[in-house]
N, C-alpha and C. Protein backbone atom coordinates (compact mmCIF):
# COMPACT_ATOMS: atom_id res chain seq x y z
N MET A 1 267.53 -100.23 14.62
CA MET A 1 267.63 -100.89 16.00
C MET A 1 267.24 -99.93 17.18
N ARG A 2 268.19 -98.95 17.12
CA ARG A 2 268.68 -98.19 17.88
C ARG A 2 267.14 -97.53 18.46
N GLY A 3 266.27 -97.14 17.26
CA GLY A 3 264.46 -96.47 18.00
C GLY A 3 264.00 -97.81 18.39
N ALA A 4 264.45 -98.79 18.17
CA ALA A 4 263.31 -100.09 18.78
C ALA A 4 263.48 -100.07 20.51
N LEU A 5 264.97 -100.16 20.40
CA LEU A 5 265.67 -100.15 21.90
C LEU A 5 265.06 -98.95 22.45
N ALA A 6 264.80 -97.69 22.24
CA ALA A 6 264.92 -96.25 23.04
C ALA A 6 263.21 -96.49 22.89
N LEU A 7 262.26 -96.95 22.26
CA LEU A 7 260.83 -97.08 22.11
C LEU A 7 260.77 -98.32 23.29
N ALA A 8 261.56 -99.29 23.40
CA ALA A 8 261.31 -100.25 24.52
C ALA A 8 261.48 -100.02 25.83
N LEU A 9 262.24 -99.12 25.73
CA LEU A 9 262.96 -98.45 27.52
C LEU A 9 261.73 -97.82 27.73
N ALA A 10 261.31 -96.77 26.80
CA ALA A 10 260.15 -95.98 26.89
C ALA A 10 259.11 -96.35 27.76
N LEU A 11 258.70 -97.72 26.98
CA LEU A 11 257.17 -98.58 27.03
C LEU A 11 257.65 -98.60 29.01
N ALA A 12 258.93 -99.17 28.68
CA ALA A 12 259.46 -100.20 30.64
C ALA A 12 259.19 -98.89 31.69
N ALA A 13 259.50 -98.30 31.02
CA ALA A 13 259.61 -96.77 31.99
C ALA A 13 258.17 -96.88 32.41
N LEU A 14 257.34 -96.49 31.67
CA LEU A 14 255.84 -96.47 31.82
C LEU A 14 254.90 -97.07 32.30
N GLY A 15 255.54 -98.24 31.99
CA GLY A 15 254.95 -99.58 32.80
C GLY A 15 255.25 -99.77 34.07
N THR A 16 256.48 -98.91 34.68
CA THR A 16 256.59 -99.48 36.08
C THR A 16 255.73 -98.13 36.90
N ALA A 17 255.37 -97.11 36.21
CA ALA A 17 254.56 -95.81 37.40
C ALA A 17 253.35 -96.57 37.86
N PRO A 18 253.10 -95.85 38.86
CA PRO A 18 251.52 -96.32 39.34
C PRO A 18 250.51 -96.22 38.64
N ALA A 19 249.42 -96.89 38.57
CA ALA A 19 248.69 -96.42 37.30
C ALA A 19 247.34 -95.63 38.40
N ALA A 20 246.74 -94.84 37.77
CA ALA A 20 246.14 -93.73 38.49
C ALA A 20 244.89 -94.50 39.26
N ALA A 21 244.40 -95.52 38.99
CA ALA A 21 243.03 -96.37 39.39
C ALA A 21 243.87 -97.12 40.75
N GLN A 22 244.99 -97.06 40.74
CA GLN A 22 245.90 -97.82 42.11
C GLN A 22 246.00 -96.98 43.13
N ASP A 23 245.96 -95.39 42.73
CA ASP A 23 246.34 -94.56 43.69
C ASP A 23 245.31 -94.41 45.25
N PRO A 24 246.56 -94.58 46.38
CA PRO A 24 245.34 -94.49 47.47
C PRO A 24 244.83 -93.74 48.08
N ALA A 25 244.63 -92.36 47.11
CA ALA A 25 243.92 -91.25 47.55
C ALA A 25 242.19 -91.76 48.17
N PRO A 26 242.02 -90.70 48.82
CA PRO A 26 240.44 -91.11 49.39
C PRO A 26 239.56 -90.39 48.03
N PRO A 27 238.31 -91.21 48.27
CA PRO A 27 237.69 -91.31 47.69
C PRO A 27 236.76 -89.50 47.49
N PRO A 28 236.17 -88.84 46.41
CA PRO A 28 236.05 -87.41 46.67
C PRO A 28 234.52 -87.50 47.28
N ALA A 29 234.74 -86.66 48.65
CA ALA A 29 233.39 -86.41 49.22
C ALA A 29 231.99 -86.41 48.51
N ALA A 30 230.92 -87.06 49.20
CA ALA A 30 229.85 -86.50 48.71
C ALA A 30 229.27 -85.56 48.68
N PRO A 31 228.36 -85.15 47.60
CA PRO A 31 227.61 -84.00 47.78
C PRO A 31 226.76 -83.52 48.44
N ALA A 32 226.85 -82.57 49.04
CA ALA A 32 226.04 -82.16 50.10
C ALA A 32 224.15 -82.50 50.13
N ASP A 33 223.44 -82.95 50.63
CA ASP A 33 221.95 -82.96 50.66
C ASP A 33 221.43 -81.86 50.11
N SER A 34 220.43 -81.87 49.22
CA SER A 34 220.04 -80.59 48.76
C SER A 34 218.46 -80.48 48.93
N ALA A 35 218.15 -81.44 50.36
CA ALA A 35 216.82 -81.39 50.73
C ALA A 35 217.17 -80.48 52.06
N PRO A 36 216.43 -79.89 52.39
CA PRO A 36 216.48 -78.73 53.63
C PRO A 36 216.26 -79.68 54.48
N PRO A 37 217.25 -78.99 55.99
CA PRO A 37 217.08 -79.78 56.94
C PRO A 37 215.80 -80.20 57.64
N ARG A 38 215.31 -81.05 57.94
CA ARG A 38 213.79 -81.13 58.42
C ARG A 38 214.11 -80.67 59.97
N VAL A 39 212.73 -79.96 59.93
CA VAL A 39 212.43 -79.09 61.01
C VAL A 39 211.12 -79.72 62.05
N GLU A 40 211.69 -80.15 63.50
CA GLU A 40 210.49 -80.08 64.13
C GLU A 40 209.64 -79.54 64.75
N VAL A 41 208.03 -79.42 65.01
CA VAL A 41 207.40 -78.54 65.37
C VAL A 41 206.61 -79.30 66.36
N SER A 42 206.20 -78.30 66.84
CA SER A 42 205.29 -78.66 68.25
C SER A 42 203.94 -79.51 67.83
N ASP A 43 203.58 -80.42 68.89
CA ASP A 43 201.90 -80.59 68.34
C ASP A 43 201.06 -79.56 67.76
N THR A 44 201.04 -78.23 68.46
CA THR A 44 200.33 -77.37 68.13
C THR A 44 200.64 -76.76 66.55
N ALA A 45 201.75 -76.98 65.93
CA ALA A 45 201.60 -76.40 64.86
C ALA A 45 201.72 -77.71 63.81
N ARG A 46 201.00 -77.26 62.47
CA ARG A 46 200.89 -78.53 61.21
C ARG A 46 201.60 -77.79 60.10
N VAL A 47 201.56 -78.57 59.44
CA VAL A 47 202.66 -78.79 58.21
C VAL A 47 201.92 -79.14 57.11
N ARG A 48 201.51 -77.86 56.20
CA ARG A 48 200.56 -78.45 55.03
C ARG A 48 201.43 -79.05 54.11
N PRO A 49 201.01 -80.07 53.56
CA PRO A 49 201.69 -81.27 52.76
C PRO A 49 202.07 -80.56 51.49
N ASP A 50 201.19 -80.28 50.70
CA ASP A 50 201.28 -80.00 49.42
C ASP A 50 202.16 -78.59 49.41
N THR A 51 202.00 -77.97 50.35
CA THR A 51 203.26 -76.50 50.18
C THR A 51 204.16 -76.28 51.23
N GLY A 52 204.24 -77.20 52.13
CA GLY A 52 205.00 -77.28 53.19
C GLY A 52 205.32 -75.95 54.06
N ILE A 53 204.46 -75.43 54.10
CA ILE A 53 204.33 -74.17 54.69
C ILE A 53 203.87 -74.75 56.25
N SER A 54 204.43 -74.54 57.42
CA SER A 54 204.11 -74.60 58.63
C SER A 54 203.50 -73.54 59.61
N TYR A 55 202.33 -73.84 59.71
CA TYR A 55 201.01 -72.72 60.37
C TYR A 55 201.24 -73.73 61.97
N ALA A 56 200.73 -72.31 62.95
CA ALA A 56 200.55 -72.85 64.38
C ALA A 56 198.94 -72.98 64.21
N ARG A 57 198.16 -72.26 63.34
CA ARG A 57 196.78 -72.81 63.25
C ARG A 57 196.52 -72.71 61.56
N THR A 58 195.47 -72.84 61.35
CA THR A 58 195.11 -72.39 60.24
C THR A 58 195.25 -71.17 59.48
N PRO A 59 195.20 -70.99 58.21
CA PRO A 59 195.57 -70.06 57.35
C PRO A 59 194.41 -68.82 57.72
N VAL A 60 193.17 -69.16 58.10
CA VAL A 60 192.11 -68.19 58.16
C VAL A 60 190.73 -69.30 58.56
N SER A 61 190.63 -68.55 60.00
CA SER A 61 189.43 -69.62 60.38
C SER A 61 188.31 -69.86 59.67
N PRO A 62 187.30 -71.09 60.29
CA PRO A 62 186.69 -71.37 58.77
C PRO A 62 185.33 -70.35 59.09
N MET A 63 185.02 -69.83 59.97
CA MET A 63 184.03 -68.81 60.11
C MET A 63 184.22 -67.54 59.64
N GLY A 64 185.94 -67.07 59.51
CA GLY A 64 186.59 -65.94 58.59
C GLY A 64 186.44 -66.31 57.24
N ALA A 65 186.47 -67.46 56.98
CA ALA A 65 186.34 -68.17 55.49
C ALA A 65 185.11 -67.60 55.03
N LEU A 66 184.15 -68.34 55.71
CA LEU A 66 182.59 -68.06 55.58
C LEU A 66 182.44 -66.55 55.38
N TRP A 67 182.56 -65.94 56.23
CA TRP A 67 181.97 -63.87 55.65
C TRP A 67 182.80 -63.79 54.76
N ARG A 68 184.04 -63.89 54.55
CA ARG A 68 185.06 -63.15 53.51
C ARG A 68 184.00 -63.97 52.10
N SER A 69 184.00 -64.96 52.04
CA SER A 69 183.37 -65.19 50.85
C SER A 69 181.86 -65.19 50.78
N ILE A 70 181.52 -65.06 51.69
CA ILE A 70 179.63 -64.29 51.60
C ILE A 70 179.92 -63.02 51.15
N LEU A 71 180.70 -62.15 51.76
CA LEU A 71 180.91 -60.57 50.97
C LEU A 71 181.46 -60.68 49.38
N ILE A 72 182.76 -61.47 49.21
CA ILE A 72 182.91 -61.60 47.99
C ILE A 72 183.22 -62.76 47.62
N PRO A 73 182.48 -63.63 46.65
CA PRO A 73 183.15 -65.17 46.51
C PRO A 73 184.17 -65.38 46.04
N GLY A 74 185.24 -66.42 46.61
CA GLY A 74 186.27 -66.40 46.17
C GLY A 74 187.16 -66.28 47.26
N TRP A 75 187.14 -64.56 47.82
CA TRP A 75 187.92 -64.25 49.08
C TRP A 75 188.24 -65.42 49.97
N GLY A 76 187.45 -66.16 50.26
CA GLY A 76 187.64 -67.00 51.23
C GLY A 76 189.09 -68.10 50.90
N GLN A 77 188.40 -68.49 49.86
CA GLN A 77 188.99 -69.39 49.28
C GLN A 77 190.69 -68.77 49.02
N ALA A 78 190.71 -67.62 48.57
CA ALA A 78 192.56 -67.09 48.33
C ALA A 78 193.17 -67.22 49.22
N LYS A 79 192.21 -66.42 50.50
CA LYS A 79 192.78 -66.64 51.83
C LYS A 79 193.41 -68.26 52.27
N SER A 80 192.52 -68.99 52.55
CA SER A 80 192.79 -70.30 52.44
C SER A 80 194.28 -70.61 51.52
N ASN A 81 194.35 -70.17 50.84
CA ASN A 81 195.74 -70.71 49.99
C ASN A 81 194.99 -71.50 48.70
N ARG A 82 193.96 -71.44 48.36
CA ARG A 82 193.16 -72.06 46.58
C ARG A 82 192.94 -71.19 45.86
N LYS A 83 194.30 -70.60 45.45
CA LYS A 83 193.47 -69.37 44.16
C LYS A 83 192.44 -69.87 43.30
N LEU A 84 192.97 -70.96 42.34
CA LEU A 84 191.93 -71.09 41.59
C LEU A 84 190.85 -71.16 41.46
N THR A 85 190.63 -72.22 42.86
CA THR A 85 189.17 -72.30 43.60
C THR A 85 188.42 -70.76 43.41
N GLY A 86 189.14 -70.06 44.56
CA GLY A 86 188.75 -68.51 44.40
C GLY A 86 188.42 -67.73 43.35
N ALA A 87 189.49 -68.13 42.12
CA ALA A 87 188.90 -67.35 40.73
C ALA A 87 187.97 -67.96 40.19
N LEU A 88 187.38 -69.39 40.45
CA LEU A 88 186.50 -69.92 39.87
C LEU A 88 185.09 -69.29 39.81
N PHE A 89 185.11 -69.10 41.29
CA PHE A 89 183.68 -68.59 42.20
C PHE A 89 184.05 -67.20 41.48
N VAL A 90 184.68 -66.39 41.40
CA VAL A 90 184.66 -65.09 40.87
C VAL A 90 184.29 -64.39 39.50
N ALA A 91 185.30 -65.67 38.61
CA ALA A 91 184.64 -65.80 37.28
C ALA A 91 183.39 -66.19 37.04
N TRP A 92 182.20 -67.43 37.89
CA TRP A 92 181.40 -67.46 37.55
C TRP A 92 180.72 -66.40 38.20
N GLU A 93 180.97 -65.44 39.43
CA GLU A 93 180.23 -64.43 39.95
C GLU A 93 180.07 -63.24 38.73
N GLY A 94 180.66 -63.10 38.21
CA GLY A 94 181.16 -62.05 37.31
C GLY A 94 180.27 -62.62 35.59
N VAL A 95 179.77 -63.72 35.73
CA VAL A 95 179.18 -64.18 34.68
C VAL A 95 177.76 -64.08 35.24
N THR A 96 177.33 -64.55 36.29
CA THR A 96 175.79 -64.37 36.80
C THR A 96 175.38 -62.74 36.98
N LEU A 97 176.40 -61.99 37.51
CA LEU A 97 176.31 -60.39 37.63
C LEU A 97 175.82 -60.06 36.47
N GLY A 98 176.77 -60.10 35.55
CA GLY A 98 176.44 -59.44 34.31
C GLY A 98 175.29 -59.90 33.47
N MET A 99 174.79 -61.17 33.45
CA MET A 99 173.73 -61.65 32.94
C MET A 99 172.45 -61.22 33.55
N ALA A 100 172.39 -60.84 34.82
CA ALA A 100 171.49 -60.54 35.51
C ALA A 100 171.29 -59.52 35.09
N ILE A 101 172.26 -58.14 35.02
CA ILE A 101 172.00 -56.61 34.75
C ILE A 101 171.22 -56.55 32.95
N LYS A 102 171.99 -57.50 32.39
CA LYS A 102 171.71 -57.71 31.01
C LYS A 102 170.56 -57.79 31.04
N SER A 103 169.80 -59.21 31.66
CA SER A 103 168.39 -59.19 31.47
C SER A 103 167.41 -58.31 32.27
N GLN A 104 167.79 -57.07 33.28
CA GLN A 104 167.37 -56.44 33.57
C GLN A 104 166.99 -54.95 32.82
N HIS A 105 168.40 -54.66 31.82
CA HIS A 105 168.46 -54.07 30.70
C HIS A 105 167.40 -54.48 29.78
N GLU A 106 167.48 -55.51 29.13
CA GLU A 106 166.61 -56.48 28.27
C GLU A 106 164.58 -55.98 28.64
N LEU A 107 164.25 -56.49 29.85
CA LEU A 107 162.99 -55.90 30.71
C LEU A 107 162.78 -54.91 30.63
N ASN A 108 163.81 -53.82 31.24
CA ASN A 108 163.45 -52.73 31.00
C ASN A 108 162.90 -52.25 29.59
N TYR A 109 163.27 -52.60 28.81
CA TYR A 109 162.79 -52.08 26.91
C TYR A 109 161.61 -52.96 27.31
N LEU A 110 161.43 -54.18 27.46
CA LEU A 110 160.49 -54.97 26.76
C LEU A 110 159.38 -54.06 27.58
N ARG A 111 159.62 -53.60 28.73
CA ARG A 111 158.29 -52.93 29.41
C ARG A 111 158.07 -51.68 28.77
N ARG A 112 159.18 -50.76 28.14
CA ARG A 112 158.82 -49.68 27.47
C ARG A 112 158.15 -49.66 26.60
N THR A 113 158.32 -51.03 25.79
CA THR A 113 157.94 -51.48 24.29
C THR A 113 156.12 -51.62 24.83
N ASN A 114 155.63 -52.74 26.27
CA ASN A 114 154.32 -52.74 25.90
C ASN A 114 154.95 -54.45 25.13
N SER A 115 155.72 -55.19 25.71
CA SER A 115 155.98 -56.20 24.96
C SER A 115 155.16 -57.74 25.33
N GLY A 116 154.81 -58.50 24.69
CA GLY A 116 154.31 -59.48 25.13
C GLY A 116 155.29 -60.43 26.36
N SER A 117 156.18 -60.43 26.27
CA SER A 117 157.15 -61.64 26.32
C SER A 117 157.96 -60.93 28.17
N VAL A 118 157.29 -59.97 28.35
CA VAL A 118 157.89 -59.53 29.82
C VAL A 118 157.42 -60.41 30.77
N SER A 119 156.78 -61.65 31.01
CA SER A 119 156.86 -62.43 31.74
C SER A 119 158.00 -63.32 32.03
N ALA A 120 157.96 -63.70 30.54
CA ALA A 120 158.98 -64.24 30.33
C ALA A 120 160.75 -63.88 30.60
N LYS A 121 160.98 -62.61 30.47
CA LYS A 121 162.01 -62.04 30.91
C LYS A 121 162.21 -62.27 32.21
N GLU A 122 161.24 -61.75 32.98
CA GLU A 122 161.29 -61.51 34.66
C GLU A 122 161.73 -62.95 35.27
N LYS A 123 161.29 -63.58 34.29
CA LYS A 123 161.63 -65.20 34.87
C LYS A 123 162.99 -65.63 34.68
N GLU A 124 163.33 -65.05 33.71
CA GLU A 124 164.95 -65.26 33.12
C GLU A 124 165.77 -64.30 33.64
N ARG A 125 165.82 -62.85 34.11
CA ARG A 125 165.98 -62.28 35.53
C ARG A 125 166.03 -62.94 36.87
N GLN A 126 164.91 -63.10 37.28
CA GLN A 126 164.62 -63.87 38.70
C GLN A 126 165.97 -65.28 38.65
N ASP A 127 165.93 -66.09 37.80
CA ASP A 127 166.82 -66.94 37.26
C ASP A 127 168.50 -67.03 37.56
N TRP A 128 168.66 -65.72 36.94
CA TRP A 128 169.98 -65.27 36.92
C TRP A 128 170.41 -64.69 38.68
N LEU A 129 169.48 -63.93 38.89
CA LEU A 129 169.82 -63.88 40.80
C LEU A 129 169.64 -64.89 41.25
N VAL A 130 168.92 -65.67 40.92
CA VAL A 130 168.98 -66.84 41.57
C VAL A 130 170.49 -67.68 42.15
N LEU A 131 170.55 -67.57 40.69
CA LEU A 131 172.21 -68.29 40.72
C LEU A 131 173.00 -67.59 41.01
N LEU A 132 172.96 -66.22 41.22
CA LEU A 132 174.03 -65.01 41.49
C LEU A 132 173.94 -65.45 43.29
N ALA A 133 172.74 -66.07 43.71
CA ALA A 133 172.57 -65.82 45.48
C ALA A 133 173.10 -67.51 45.93
N PHE A 134 172.75 -68.36 45.34
CA PHE A 134 173.70 -69.60 45.07
C PHE A 134 175.07 -69.52 45.07
N ASN A 135 175.60 -69.12 43.98
CA ASN A 135 177.24 -68.66 44.29
C ASN A 135 177.66 -68.08 45.07
N HIS A 136 177.18 -66.76 45.55
CA HIS A 136 177.32 -66.69 47.42
C HIS A 136 177.35 -67.43 48.14
N LEU A 137 176.24 -68.22 48.27
CA LEU A 137 175.72 -69.55 49.39
C LEU A 137 176.88 -70.46 49.17
N PHE A 138 177.28 -70.85 47.84
CA PHE A 138 177.77 -71.92 47.65
C PHE A 138 179.29 -71.78 48.21
N SER A 139 179.48 -70.64 47.46
CA SER A 139 181.27 -70.09 47.75
C SER A 139 181.24 -69.96 49.37
N ALA A 140 180.58 -69.35 49.87
CA ALA A 140 180.72 -69.31 51.11
C ALA A 140 180.86 -70.62 52.50
N ILE A 141 179.92 -71.61 51.73
CA ILE A 141 180.07 -73.11 52.13
C ILE A 141 181.53 -73.75 51.71
N GLU A 142 181.47 -73.80 50.84
CA GLU A 142 182.61 -74.76 50.23
C GLU A 142 184.19 -73.99 50.96
N ALA A 143 184.18 -72.21 51.63
CA ALA A 143 185.28 -72.15 51.97
C ALA A 143 185.51 -72.22 53.52
N TYR A 144 184.27 -72.35 54.19
CA TYR A 144 183.44 -72.95 55.40
C TYR A 144 184.31 -74.33 55.67
N VAL A 145 184.01 -75.41 54.80
CA VAL A 145 184.64 -76.70 54.72
C VAL A 145 185.89 -76.92 54.51
N SER A 146 186.71 -75.62 53.42
CA SER A 146 187.65 -76.03 53.43
C SER A 146 188.90 -75.62 53.95
N ALA A 147 188.56 -74.76 54.95
CA ALA A 147 189.22 -73.98 55.71
C ALA A 147 188.92 -74.88 57.09
N HIS A 148 188.41 -76.05 57.35
CA HIS A 148 188.32 -77.08 58.31
C HIS A 148 188.94 -78.09 57.81
N LEU A 149 189.49 -78.46 56.64
CA LEU A 149 189.75 -79.66 56.17
C LEU A 149 191.21 -78.92 55.55
N TRP A 150 192.10 -78.08 55.72
CA TRP A 150 192.92 -77.05 55.11
C TRP A 150 194.02 -78.32 55.23
N ASP A 151 193.99 -78.99 56.30
CA ASP A 151 195.56 -80.15 56.50
C ASP A 151 194.94 -81.69 56.04
N PHE A 152 194.41 -81.63 55.51
CA PHE A 152 194.21 -82.50 55.43
C PHE A 152 194.70 -83.48 54.04
N PRO A 153 195.04 -84.81 54.35
CA PRO A 153 196.08 -85.50 53.35
C PRO A 153 195.36 -85.26 52.01
N ASP A 154 196.43 -85.08 51.04
CA ASP A 154 196.32 -85.02 49.38
C ASP A 154 196.44 -86.18 48.95
N ASP A 155 196.41 -87.31 49.61
CA ASP A 155 196.68 -88.27 48.83
C ASP A 155 195.45 -89.86 48.93
N LEU A 156 194.28 -88.81 48.65
CA LEU A 156 193.48 -90.14 48.82
C LEU A 156 193.03 -90.49 46.83
N GLU A 157 192.27 -91.13 47.17
CA GLU A 157 192.51 -92.01 45.74
C GLU A 157 191.01 -92.09 45.46
N MET A 158 190.17 -91.77 44.03
CA MET A 158 188.61 -92.45 44.24
C MET A 158 188.93 -92.85 42.44
N ARG A 159 188.06 -94.39 42.41
CA ARG A 159 188.41 -94.81 41.28
C ARG A 159 187.01 -95.29 40.90
N ALA A 160 186.33 -95.15 39.65
CA ALA A 160 185.36 -96.09 39.01
C ALA A 160 185.74 -97.53 38.76
N VAL A 161 184.96 -98.20 38.97
CA VAL A 161 185.05 -99.55 38.60
C VAL A 161 183.58 -99.76 38.44
N PRO A 162 183.36 -101.04 37.33
CA PRO A 162 182.71 -101.78 36.98
C PRO A 162 182.23 -102.32 37.53
N LEU A 163 180.54 -102.99 37.89
CA LEU A 163 179.81 -103.64 38.43
C LEU A 163 179.85 -104.97 37.88
N PRO A 164 179.70 -106.25 38.28
CA PRO A 164 179.21 -107.46 37.89
C PRO A 164 177.55 -107.13 37.47
N GLY A 165 177.59 -107.43 36.58
CA GLY A 165 176.36 -107.53 35.90
C GLY A 165 175.55 -105.99 35.31
N GLY A 166 176.68 -105.00 35.12
CA GLY A 166 176.30 -103.73 34.64
C GLY A 166 176.55 -103.26 35.70
N GLY A 167 176.56 -101.48 35.23
CA GLY A 167 176.31 -100.53 36.49
C GLY A 167 177.98 -100.17 36.69
N VAL A 168 178.12 -99.37 37.25
CA VAL A 168 179.46 -98.25 37.56
C VAL A 168 179.34 -98.44 39.01
N GLY A 169 180.52 -98.60 39.95
CA GLY A 169 180.42 -98.51 41.13
C GLY A 169 181.67 -97.53 41.40
N ALA A 170 182.24 -97.32 42.68
CA ALA A 170 183.38 -96.38 43.03
C ALA A 170 184.38 -96.87 44.72
N THR A 171 185.34 -97.19 44.48
CA THR A 171 185.96 -97.17 45.16
C THR A 171 186.81 -96.04 46.13
N LEU A 172 186.98 -95.87 47.44
CA LEU A 172 187.84 -94.95 47.90
C LEU A 172 189.02 -95.76 48.51
N ARG A 173 190.17 -95.09 48.31
CA ARG A 173 191.36 -95.32 48.85
C ARG A 173 191.90 -94.04 49.89
N VAL A 174 192.05 -94.48 51.25
CA VAL A 174 192.55 -93.80 52.50
C VAL A 174 193.07 -94.15 53.00
N PRO A 175 194.68 -93.43 53.01
CA PRO A 175 195.90 -94.45 53.77
C PRO A 175 195.86 -94.01 55.21
N PHE A 176 195.99 -94.59 55.77
CA PHE A 176 196.18 -94.40 57.00
C PHE A 176 197.62 -94.91 57.77
N GLY A 177 198.29 -94.01 58.52
CA GLY A 177 199.35 -94.70 59.49
C GLY A 177 200.53 -93.10 58.75
N ARG A 178 201.62 -93.30 59.34
CA ARG A 178 202.57 -92.03 58.76
C ARG A 178 203.62 -93.06 57.52
N PRO A 179 203.90 -92.02 56.78
CA PRO A 179 205.16 -92.59 55.55
C PRO A 179 206.06 -92.98 56.14
């Protein structure tokens, strides 16, 4: 009986203490915002949306990108922070240059042996040289245009849609306004 009375008194004593949920302590402070503070930029400075980098002007002028890519295809793209596109132009340059050299060696061999397929090999070599020149030209034009459009919004959307009566069309969504 004494044990039951002691247990009842202990429970009564615990029941009179204020509950932790009823503590009038202030709530914990909210964690600090992890986003960097917004920096206001002037009208002449632009922030590239995909990188967040602010430039007072483009990373490279359009003519600078054009001449860089004429000299070495992909250099103008790399200077405009478009490294994957630049790498593709460099890779294609390597393929076309290698194949032009290979076809020239084969053409020299065919000429030494007085083969009848010299004219076909000359045409193949010309094809590779034309592709090499096209790569220089296309890389330069692409670098020029991409330098002009370096701050163009990335959220354009194009979709293929079926047309009534057969065929396929395309829709282009261009957002206007500020987010």
